[in-house]
Protein backbone atom coordinates (compact mmCIF):
# COMPACT_ATOMS: atom_id res chain seq x y z
CA MET A 1 0.05 0.13 -0.15
CA PRO A 2 1.08 3.64 -0.43
CA SER A 3 1.43 4.02 3.42
CA VAL A 4 3.33 0.96 4.37
CA GLY A 5 3.18 1.59 7.85
CA THR A 6 -0.68 1.59 7.63
CA SER A 7 -1.24 -1.32 5.27
CA PRO A 8 -1.33 -5.13 5.33
CA SER A 9 1.45 -7.03 3.52
CA ALA A 10 1.06 -9.16 0.53
CA PRO A 11 -1.36 -11.85 1.28
CA VAL A 12 -0.37 -15.27 0.88
CA ALA A 13 -2.62 -18.56 1.36
CA GLN A 14 -1.87 -19.93 4.82
CA SER A 15 -0.93 -23.57 4.93
CA GLN A 16 -3.97 -25.84 4.28
CA PRO A 17 -4.76 -29.43 4.81
CA ALA A 18 -3.98 -31.50 1.86
CA GLY A 19 -6.84 -31.39 -0.88
CA VAL A 20 -8.11 -27.94 0.17
CA ARG A 21 -9.41 -26.12 -2.91
CA TYR A 22 -9.79 -22.37 -3.31
CA GLY A 23 -12.43 -22.74 -5.95
CA PRO A 24 -15.48 -22.21 -3.60
CA ALA A 25 -13.91 -19.24 -2.00
CA LEU A 26 -13.29 -17.72 -5.29
CA ALA A 27 -16.78 -18.33 -6.45
CA LEU A 28 -18.06 -16.42 -3.39
CA LEU A 29 -15.48 -13.67 -3.98
CA ALA A 30 -16.81 -13.45 -7.62
CA SER A 31 -20.18 -12.40 -6.15
CA LEU A 32 -18.40 -9.38 -4.67
CA PHE A 33 -17.10 -8.45 -8.06
CA PHE A 34 -20.66 -8.73 -9.46
CA MET A 35 -22.18 -6.46 -6.86
CA TRP A 36 -19.68 -3.61 -7.01
CA GLY A 37 -19.74 -3.83 -10.88
CA PHE A 38 -23.71 -3.65 -10.59
CA ILE A 39 -23.89 -0.68 -8.13
CA THR A 40 -21.08 1.30 -10.11
CA VAL A 41 -22.95 0.88 -13.35
CA ILE A 42 -26.22 2.02 -11.83
CA ASN A 43 -24.59 5.34 -11.87
CA ASN A 44 -24.83 5.40 -15.80
CA THR A 45 -28.58 5.52 -15.60
CA LEU A 46 -28.52 7.58 -12.40
CA LEU A 47 -26.54 10.40 -13.95
CA PRO A 48 -28.94 11.33 -16.88
CA HIS A 49 -31.59 10.97 -14.24
CA LEU A 50 -30.09 13.59 -12.05
CA ARG A 51 -29.12 15.77 -15.06
CA SER A 52 -32.83 16.02 -15.73
CA VAL A 53 -33.94 16.31 -12.05
CA PHE A 54 -31.31 19.13 -11.13
CA GLU A 55 -31.14 20.62 -14.56
CA LEU A 56 -27.39 20.07 -14.80
CA ASN A 57 -24.87 20.63 -17.57
CA TYR A 58 -22.47 18.01 -18.74
CA THR A 59 -19.72 19.29 -16.51
CA GLN A 60 -21.86 19.21 -13.43
CA THR A 61 -23.19 15.67 -14.36
CA THR A 62 -19.71 14.17 -14.78
CA LEU A 63 -18.74 15.90 -11.34
CA ILE A 64 -21.27 13.64 -9.73
CA GLU A 65 -19.12 10.66 -10.88
CA SER A 66 -15.81 12.50 -9.96
CA VAL A 67 -17.11 12.44 -6.29
CA TRP A 68 -17.50 8.77 -6.55
CA PHE A 69 -13.90 8.14 -7.80
CA ILE A 70 -12.51 10.68 -5.27
CA ALA A 71 -13.54 8.06 -2.76
CA TYR A 72 -10.95 5.59 -4.23
CA PHE A 73 -8.17 7.74 -3.54
CA VAL A 74 -9.41 8.94 -0.02
CA ALA A 75 -10.43 5.47 1.26
CA SER A 76 -7.54 3.28 -0.08
CA ILE A 77 -5.15 3.85 2.79
CA PRO A 78 -7.80 3.64 5.57
CA SER A 79 -8.89 0.35 3.81
CA ALA A 80 -5.49 -1.03 3.96
CA LYS A 81 -5.17 -0.08 7.66
CA LEU A 82 -8.50 -1.74 8.25
CA ILE A 83 -7.33 -5.00 6.78
CA GLU A 84 -4.31 -4.86 8.99
CA TRP A 85 -6.53 -4.53 12.02
CA VAL A 86 -9.16 -6.87 11.31
CA GLY A 87 -8.20 -9.22 8.60
CA TYR A 88 -9.39 -9.82 5.16
CA LYS A 89 -12.68 -11.65 5.97
CA LYS A 90 -14.14 -8.90 8.41
CA SER A 91 -12.95 -6.27 6.04
CA LEU A 92 -15.21 -7.67 3.29
CA VAL A 93 -18.02 -7.68 5.66
CA ILE A 94 -17.47 -4.13 6.78
CA GLY A 95 -17.22 -3.02 3.06
CA LEU A 96 -20.52 -4.70 2.17
CA LEU A 97 -22.25 -2.93 5.19
CA THR A 98 -20.78 0.34 4.29
CA MET A 99 -22.12 0.10 0.86
CA ALA A 100 -25.65 -0.88 2.35
CA ALA A 101 -25.71 2.08 4.59
CA GLY A 102 -24.90 4.27 1.61
CA ALA A 103 -27.68 2.82 -0.46
CA VAL A 104 -29.98 3.51 2.52
CA GLY A 105 -28.81 7.10 2.36
CA MET A 106 -29.69 7.29 -1.20
CA MET A 107 -33.19 6.67 -0.33
CA LEU A 108 -33.11 9.50 2.12
CA ALA A 109 -31.46 11.63 -0.53
CA ALA A 110 -34.58 10.90 -2.78
CA MET A 111 -37.20 11.60 -0.32
CA ILE A 112 -35.71 15.19 0.37
CA PRO A 113 -34.51 15.55 -2.53
CA SER A 114 -31.00 16.76 -2.14
CA TYR A 115 -28.00 17.05 -4.61
CA GLY A 116 -25.77 17.44 -1.61
CA VAL A 117 -26.92 14.48 0.30
CA THR A 118 -26.79 12.37 -2.95
CA LEU A 119 -23.23 13.21 -3.28
CA VAL A 120 -22.29 12.06 0.29
CA MET A 121 -24.21 8.93 -0.07
CA LEU A 122 -22.51 8.09 -3.47
CA PHE A 123 -19.12 8.81 -1.75
CA ILE A 124 -19.94 6.28 1.13
CA ILE A 125 -20.98 3.57 -1.32
CA ALA A 126 -17.77 3.95 -3.36
CA SER A 127 -15.65 3.85 -0.07
CA GLY A 128 -17.18 0.56 0.70
CA ILE A 129 -16.32 -0.58 -2.81
CA THR A 130 -12.79 0.72 -2.14
CA LEU A 131 -12.31 -1.47 0.80
CA LEU A 132 -13.67 -4.48 -1.28
CA GLN A 133 -11.33 -3.88 -4.15
CA VAL A 134 -8.14 -3.54 -1.74
CA ALA A 135 -8.98 -6.73 -0.06
CA ALA A 136 -10.45 -8.92 -2.90
CA ASN A 137 -8.27 -8.12 -5.99
CA PRO A 138 -4.84 -9.15 -4.48
CA TYR A 139 -6.51 -12.08 -2.73
CA VAL A 140 -7.56 -13.40 -6.19
CA ALA A 141 -4.27 -12.66 -7.68
CA VAL A 142 -2.44 -15.03 -5.11
CA CYS A 143 -4.99 -17.94 -5.04
CA GLY A 144 -3.33 -20.17 -7.65
CA LYS A 145 -0.38 -20.20 -9.97
CA PRO A 146 1.32 -16.80 -10.32
CA GLU A 147 1.51 -17.09 -14.37
CA THR A 148 -2.24 -17.50 -14.53
CA ALA A 149 -2.87 -14.62 -12.26
CA SER A 150 -4.21 -12.51 -15.08
CA ALA A 151 -6.34 -15.20 -16.49
CA ARG A 152 -7.91 -15.83 -13.08
CA LEU A 153 -8.47 -12.23 -12.25
CA ASN A 154 -10.10 -11.74 -15.73
CA LEU A 155 -12.41 -14.60 -15.04
CA VAL A 156 -13.85 -13.27 -11.65
CA GLN A 157 -13.83 -9.66 -13.46
CA ALA A 158 -16.12 -11.20 -15.87
CA LEU A 159 -18.68 -11.68 -12.98
CA ASN A 160 -18.10 -7.93 -12.49
CA SER A 161 -18.98 -7.35 -15.99
CA MET A 162 -22.12 -9.53 -15.69
CA GLY A 163 -23.17 -7.06 -12.95
CA THR A 164 -22.27 -4.09 -15.09
CA MET A 165 -24.37 -5.77 -18.06
CA LEU A 166 -27.70 -6.34 -15.85
CA ALA A 167 -27.35 -2.88 -14.05
CA PRO A 168 -28.42 -0.72 -17.20
CA MET A 169 -31.58 -2.80 -17.60
CA PHE A 170 -32.19 -2.53 -13.82
CA GLY A 171 -31.66 1.34 -13.83
CA ALA A 172 -33.52 1.77 -17.12
CA TYR A 173 -36.58 0.16 -15.96
CA LEU A 174 -36.74 1.24 -12.28
CA ILE A 175 -35.21 4.61 -12.55
CA LEU A 176 -35.54 5.94 -16.25
CA GLY A 177 -38.64 3.97 -17.17
CA ARG A 178 -40.47 5.35 -14.12
CA THR A 179 -39.85 9.14 -14.71
CA LYS A 180 -41.05 11.90 -17.18
CA GLY A 181 -37.58 12.76 -17.96
CA GLY A 182 -36.29 9.44 -18.36
CA THR A 183 -39.10 8.40 -20.95
CA ALA A 184 -38.31 11.49 -23.18
CA ALA A 185 -35.52 12.20 -25.51
CA GLU A 186 -32.34 14.15 -24.18
CA GLY A 187 -33.51 17.73 -23.70
CA ALA A 188 -36.96 17.09 -25.12
CA VAL A 189 -39.03 17.99 -22.19
CA ALA A 190 -38.78 20.84 -19.43
CA LEU A 191 -40.12 19.38 -16.02
CA THR A 192 -42.05 21.32 -13.58
CA GLN A 193 -40.84 21.46 -9.86
CA ALA A 194 -43.62 18.75 -9.00
CA GLU A 195 -42.45 16.53 -11.87
CA ARG A 196 -38.88 16.78 -10.71
CA LEU A 197 -39.88 15.78 -7.16
CA ALA A 198 -41.63 12.70 -8.51
CA ASP A 199 -38.87 11.74 -10.63
CA ALA A 200 -36.36 12.03 -7.83
CA GLN A 201 -38.29 9.53 -5.67
CA SER A 202 -38.01 6.90 -8.30
CA VAL A 203 -34.66 5.79 -6.92
CA ILE A 204 -36.07 4.79 -3.68
CA LEU A 205 -37.21 1.47 -4.72
CA PRO A 206 -34.04 0.17 -6.54
CA TYR A 207 -31.72 1.34 -3.87
CA ALA A 208 -33.91 -0.37 -1.28
CA LEU A 209 -33.44 -3.62 -2.95
CA VAL A 210 -29.76 -3.13 -3.46
CA ALA A 211 -29.41 -2.33 0.34
CA GLY A 212 -31.21 -5.64 1.06
CA VAL A 213 -29.00 -7.90 -1.16
CA LEU A 214 -25.89 -6.22 0.33
CA VAL A 215 -26.74 -7.11 3.95
CA VAL A 216 -27.74 -10.51 3.03
CA LEU A 217 -24.26 -10.99 1.09
CA ALA A 218 -22.52 -9.74 4.05
CA ILE A 219 -24.14 -12.21 6.39
CA ILE A 220 -23.04 -15.10 3.99
CA ILE A 221 -19.59 -13.78 3.82
CA ALA A 222 -19.38 -13.61 7.77
CA ARG A 223 -20.32 -17.30 8.02
CA PHE A 224 -18.40 -18.80 5.22
CA PRO A 225 -15.06 -20.53 5.94
CA LEU A 226 -12.91 -18.35 3.69
CA PRO A 227 -9.30 -19.78 3.46
CA ALA A 228 -7.02 -17.97 5.84
CA MET A 229 -4.53 -15.44 4.56
CA VAL A 230 -1.37 -14.87 6.40
CA SER A 231 0.34 -11.54 6.68
CA GLU A 232 3.91 -11.11 6.07
CA SER A 233 7.52 -12.20 6.24
CA ASP A 234 10.19 -10.60 8.28
CA ASP A 235 11.62 -9.18 4.99
CA ALA A 236 8.28 -7.54 4.35
CA LYS A 237 7.92 -6.03 7.74
CA GLU A 238 11.40 -4.35 7.21
CA LYS A 239 10.35 -3.08 3.84
CA ARG A 240 7.14 -1.59 5.55
CA LYS A 241 9.00 0.99 7.70
CA HIS A 242 8.87 3.79 4.96
CA ILE A 243 5.91 6.05 4.11
CA ILE A 244 6.15 4.70 0.72
CA ASN A 245 8.72 2.20 0.21
CA PRO A 246 11.32 3.37 -2.23
CA GLU A 247 11.76 -0.29 -3.39
CA LEU A 248 8.44 0.18 -5.29
CA PHE A 249 10.08 2.64 -7.70
CA LYS A 250 12.41 0.09 -8.93
CA HIS A 251 9.79 -1.78 -10.54
CA ARG A 252 8.93 -0.19 -14.06
CA ASN A 253 5.79 -2.23 -14.64
CA LEU A 254 4.34 -0.72 -11.42
CA VAL A 255 5.69 2.86 -11.93
CA PHE A 256 4.09 2.99 -15.53
CA GLY A 257 1.05 0.84 -14.46
CA ILE A 258 -0.22 3.35 -11.87
CA PRO A 259 -0.80 6.08 -14.54
CA ALA A 260 -2.11 3.32 -16.79
CA ILE A 261 -4.89 2.51 -14.47
CA PHE A 262 -5.39 6.21 -13.92
CA ILE A 263 -5.84 7.00 -17.61
CA TYR A 264 -7.68 3.83 -18.53
CA LEU A 265 -10.55 4.81 -15.84
CA ILE A 266 -10.96 8.20 -17.48
CA ALA A 267 -11.73 6.26 -20.71
CA GLU A 268 -13.97 3.73 -19.27
CA ILE A 269 -16.01 6.02 -17.09
CA GLY A 270 -16.44 8.68 -19.56
CA VAL A 271 -17.91 6.17 -22.15
CA GLY A 272 -20.32 4.78 -19.55
CA ASN A 273 -21.35 8.02 -18.05
CA LEU A 274 -22.06 9.91 -21.31
CA PHE A 275 -23.31 6.72 -23.49
CA ILE A 276 -26.96 7.24 -22.69
CA ASN A 277 -27.03 11.13 -23.48
CA PHE A 278 -24.94 10.22 -26.61
CA VAL A 279 -26.97 7.55 -27.93
CA SER A 280 -30.30 9.37 -27.41
CA ARG A 281 -29.20 12.33 -29.61
CA PRO A 282 -31.52 12.85 -32.63
CA ASP A 283 -28.34 12.53 -35.06
CA ILE A 284 -27.03 9.34 -33.48
CA GLY A 285 -29.73 6.76 -32.01
CA ASN A 286 -32.79 9.21 -31.91
CA MET A 287 -34.36 7.57 -28.90
CA SER A 288 -35.50 8.18 -25.27
CA LEU A 289 -33.06 8.12 -22.43
CA GLU A 290 -34.95 4.92 -21.10
CA GLN A 291 -34.33 3.22 -24.44
CA ALA A 292 -30.65 4.26 -24.64
CA GLY A 293 -30.26 2.79 -21.18
CA HIS A 294 -31.18 -0.63 -22.69
CA TYR A 295 -28.59 -0.11 -25.32
CA LEU A 296 -26.05 0.27 -22.57
CA THR A 297 -26.47 -3.37 -21.75
CA PHE A 298 -24.61 -4.11 -24.97
CA LEU A 299 -21.71 -2.03 -23.98
CA TRP A 300 -21.17 -3.76 -20.57
CA GLY A 301 -22.20 -7.02 -22.21
CA GLY A 302 -19.28 -6.80 -24.37
CA MET A 303 -17.00 -6.23 -21.47
CA MET A 304 -18.40 -9.51 -19.86
CA VAL A 305 -17.77 -11.44 -23.03
CA GLY A 306 -14.39 -9.98 -23.52
CA ARG A 307 -13.20 -10.96 -20.07
CA PHE A 308 -14.41 -14.57 -20.59
CA VAL A 309 -12.58 -14.65 -23.76
CA GLY A 310 -9.53 -12.80 -22.65
CA SER A 311 -9.28 -15.08 -19.78
CA ALA A 312 -9.17 -18.09 -22.10
CA ILE A 313 -6.49 -16.36 -24.40
CA MET A 314 -4.22 -15.24 -21.72
CA SER A 315 -4.02 -18.73 -20.44
CA ARG A 316 -2.04 -19.45 -23.79
CA PHE A 317 -0.72 -15.99 -24.83
CA ASP A 318 1.42 -13.40 -23.23
CA ALA A 319 -0.92 -10.92 -21.19
CA ALA A 320 0.92 -7.86 -22.37
CA HIS A 321 0.71 -8.67 -25.99
CA VAL A 322 -3.13 -9.44 -25.70
CA LEU A 323 -3.48 -5.92 -23.95
CA ALA A 324 -1.63 -4.34 -26.91
CA VAL A 325 -4.10 -5.83 -29.41
CA PHE A 326 -7.21 -4.72 -27.42
CA SER A 327 -5.86 -1.25 -26.86
CA VAL A 328 -5.40 -0.83 -30.69
CA GLY A 329 -9.13 -2.04 -31.20
CA ALA A 330 -10.40 0.45 -28.61
CA PHE A 331 -8.34 3.41 -30.26
CA ILE A 332 -10.02 2.52 -33.55
CA THR A 333 -13.42 2.38 -32.29
CA MET A 334 -13.18 5.66 -30.55
CA LEU A 335 -11.98 7.38 -33.74
CA VAL A 336 -15.26 6.04 -35.46
CA THR A 337 -17.36 7.11 -32.54
CA SER A 338 -15.94 10.75 -32.77
CA PHE A 339 -16.38 11.14 -36.41
CA ALA A 340 -19.18 8.99 -37.62
CA ASP A 341 -22.90 9.62 -37.54
CA GLY A 342 -25.99 7.71 -36.61
CA HIS A 343 -25.89 4.02 -35.93
CA VAL A 344 -22.22 3.69 -36.96
CA ALA A 345 -21.22 5.92 -34.38
CA MET A 346 -23.59 4.39 -31.89
CA TRP A 347 -22.42 0.81 -32.46
CA SER A 348 -18.74 1.76 -32.55
CA LEU A 349 -19.22 3.22 -28.97
CA ILE A 350 -21.00 0.08 -27.97
CA LEU A 351 -18.04 -2.04 -29.27
CA VAL A 352 -15.44 -0.36 -27.35
CA GLY A 353 -16.78 -2.27 -24.31
CA LEU A 354 -15.29 -5.45 -25.85
CA PHE A 355 -11.97 -4.00 -26.17
CA HIS A 356 -12.02 -2.31 -22.88
CA SER A 357 -12.93 -5.50 -21.19
CA ILE A 358 -9.42 -6.95 -20.27
CA MET A 359 -7.75 -3.67 -19.58
CA PHE A 360 -8.19 -3.09 -15.78
CA PRO A 361 -7.50 -6.71 -14.69
CA THR A 362 -4.72 -7.09 -17.03
CA ILE A 363 -2.94 -3.67 -16.12
CA PHE A 364 -3.46 -4.74 -12.53
CA THR A 365 -1.81 -8.16 -12.66
CA LEU A 366 0.96 -6.85 -14.94
CA GLY A 367 1.57 -3.93 -12.46
CA ILE A 368 2.13 -6.34 -9.32
CA LYS A 369 3.98 -8.91 -11.40
CA GLY A 370 7.16 -9.75 -9.77
CA LEU A 371 6.86 -7.64 -6.54
CA GLY A 372 7.01 -10.26 -4.05
CA PRO A 373 6.49 -8.91 -0.41
CA LEU A 374 5.78 -5.51 -2.00
CA THR A 375 2.53 -6.69 -3.86
CA GLU A 376 0.03 -5.47 -1.30
CA GLU A 377 1.69 -1.93 -1.18
CA ALA A 378 1.55 -1.95 -4.94
CA SER A 379 -2.01 -3.13 -4.98
CA GLY A 380 -2.84 -0.26 -2.89
CA LEU A 381 -1.24 2.12 -5.26
CA LEU A 382 -3.07 0.76 -8.18
CA VAL A 383 -6.45 0.95 -6.40
CA MET A 384 -5.59 4.31 -5.63
CA ALA A 385 -5.22 5.06 -9.13
CA ILE A 386 -8.81 4.26 -9.83
CA ALA A 387 -9.30 7.98 -8.78
CA GLY A 388 -8.40 8.59 -12.35
CA GLY A 389 -12.23 8.28 -13.04
CA ALA A 390 -12.78 11.58 -11.05
CA LEU A 391 -11.25 13.28 -14.05
CA VAL A 392 -14.13 12.37 -16.08
CA PHE A 393 -15.46 15.84 -15.63
CA VAL A 394 -12.77 17.01 -18.15
CA GLN A 395 -14.61 15.18 -20.64
CA GLY A 396 -17.95 16.71 -19.51
CA TRP A 397 -16.18 20.21 -19.88
CA ILE A 398 -15.14 19.24 -23.43
CA ALA A 399 -18.58 18.30 -24.21
CA ASP A 400 -19.98 21.77 -23.01
CA ALA A 401 -17.39 23.68 -24.71
CA TYR A 402 -17.26 22.20 -27.92
CA ASP A 403 -19.52 18.92 -28.60
CA LEU A 404 -20.33 15.65 -26.83
CA GLN A 405 -19.26 13.62 -29.77
CA THR A 406 -15.85 15.58 -30.15
CA SER A 407 -15.22 14.83 -26.33
CA PHE A 408 -14.62 11.13 -27.13
CA LEU A 409 -11.27 11.96 -28.71
CA LEU A 410 -10.19 12.15 -25.13
CA THR A 411 -11.02 8.58 -24.65
CA ALA A 412 -9.09 7.72 -27.92
CA ALA A 413 -5.97 9.42 -26.51
CA CYS A 414 -6.04 7.52 -23.21
CA GLU A 415 -6.16 4.18 -25.38
CA LEU A 416 -2.74 5.24 -26.68
CA TYR A 417 -1.13 5.26 -23.18
CA VAL A 418 -2.51 1.73 -22.57
CA LEU A 419 -0.75 0.71 -25.82
CA PHE A 420 2.62 2.09 -24.59
CA TYR A 421 2.20 0.36 -21.29
CA ALA A 422 1.57 -2.88 -23.02
CA LEU A 423 4.52 -2.65 -25.34
CA TRP A 424 7.21 -1.35 -23.01
CA GLY A 425 6.00 0.08 -19.56
CA SER A 426 4.71 -3.34 -18.32
CA LYS A 427 8.09 -5.01 -18.77
CA PRO A 428 9.23 -6.02 -15.16
CA THR A 429 12.46 -4.68 -13.71
CA HIS A 430 14.04 -6.09 -10.37
CA ALA A 431 11.22 -8.71 -10.27
CA GLU A 432 11.30 -11.07 -7.15
CA PRO A 433 11.21 -14.79 -7.79
CA GLU A 434 7.66 -16.04 -7.92
CA PRO A 435 6.70 -18.78 -5.28
CA GLU A 436 5.81 -22.28 -6.47
CA PRO A 437 2.12 -22.50 -6.65
CA GLU A 438 0.04 -24.98 -4.77
CA PRO A 439 -2.27 -26.56 -5.90
CA ASP A 440 -1.80 -26.64 -9.69
CA ALA A 441 -5.19 -25.19 -11.12
CA LEU A 442 -6.52 -21.95 -12.16
CA PHE A 443 -8.73 -21.70 -9.19
CA ASP A 444 -7.03 -23.95 -6.68
């Protein structure tokens, strides 16, 4: 973690009796990836909803998502400290209950309604997700053979993508589909004060359902016998005496991996946040916000398919090479989105989900490759880099100053840095020897 004095060490599997398998635990952990993907992508339907309710421009709308991703930066170090105090399992439970509390708070914000309370509650939900990310990502990475870590993390991230695929249908039906603003085209109607109040309260039911599921999942995790994860070696304790361990900066794959995560998140979040507004435009998809929300399912569905396929491909081919190919595909689709018209631009934007699919988990595992006892510190820095999503407001500003379609050129530029990372920045330097895996399977 960035603050080694306040972070747990790289987790390793505690010695288990012969025949113990990690599969059941990883299957349960995959449900966490599903839930934080689901809740994050609800924002993609929530943002056009709030834009209508509070009469926001694109900059103000994307600033809502910026608050969400600032939580990743603020909460990462406290999350690492909490894991050190109470362990991985209890931290997962606390993360789920924190998210549930934020979901209940969203119901309160809708009743008032209050833009400020909405921002606070979204920050709380994102803080809970950050705790899950700090605990679950490195846990999954070490539960199996080191050389298949990218494939393993891509596979559980596919469950994350399943959540992101289902969330737009959930949000389109229960949020946009039950509001006057959501059933109209972008900017087609002016709501009265009473209509805005009624529209604002449409989020009460979906967030009540989310809060209930999170509490149930927390209870299941608390009662499930997850494999124990031991903390650190004496060498790791020695290396954790610095605020930021200088040994981290000897690893090129981490040094360039941190900005790779940061920049990639600007691309992914910008596409998801502005998708509905872009597709509903008369010159692109010519449809209502609710209808555009259903098309968002194809974007996130492409990410799910890409992660399943990517997991299989990277079990046979070098992860960095696969990342390079996908980044080129993403760059081309974003150029088409920026300059084409009508359904060509719409489907090109949908297709970028397929190319984005493997980027986060692959950059993450390449970034921690060969770091040995520094793995947890490096994981914390990479999770903090998710705060790059907070800069999505830059794309909102470009959309206001120039044009929404033009703003996707920023996304295209982000893909080029990912290509640079895949071709050169991800090459490890001063790599630690990888431990011999036990047992010998992707999930064992």
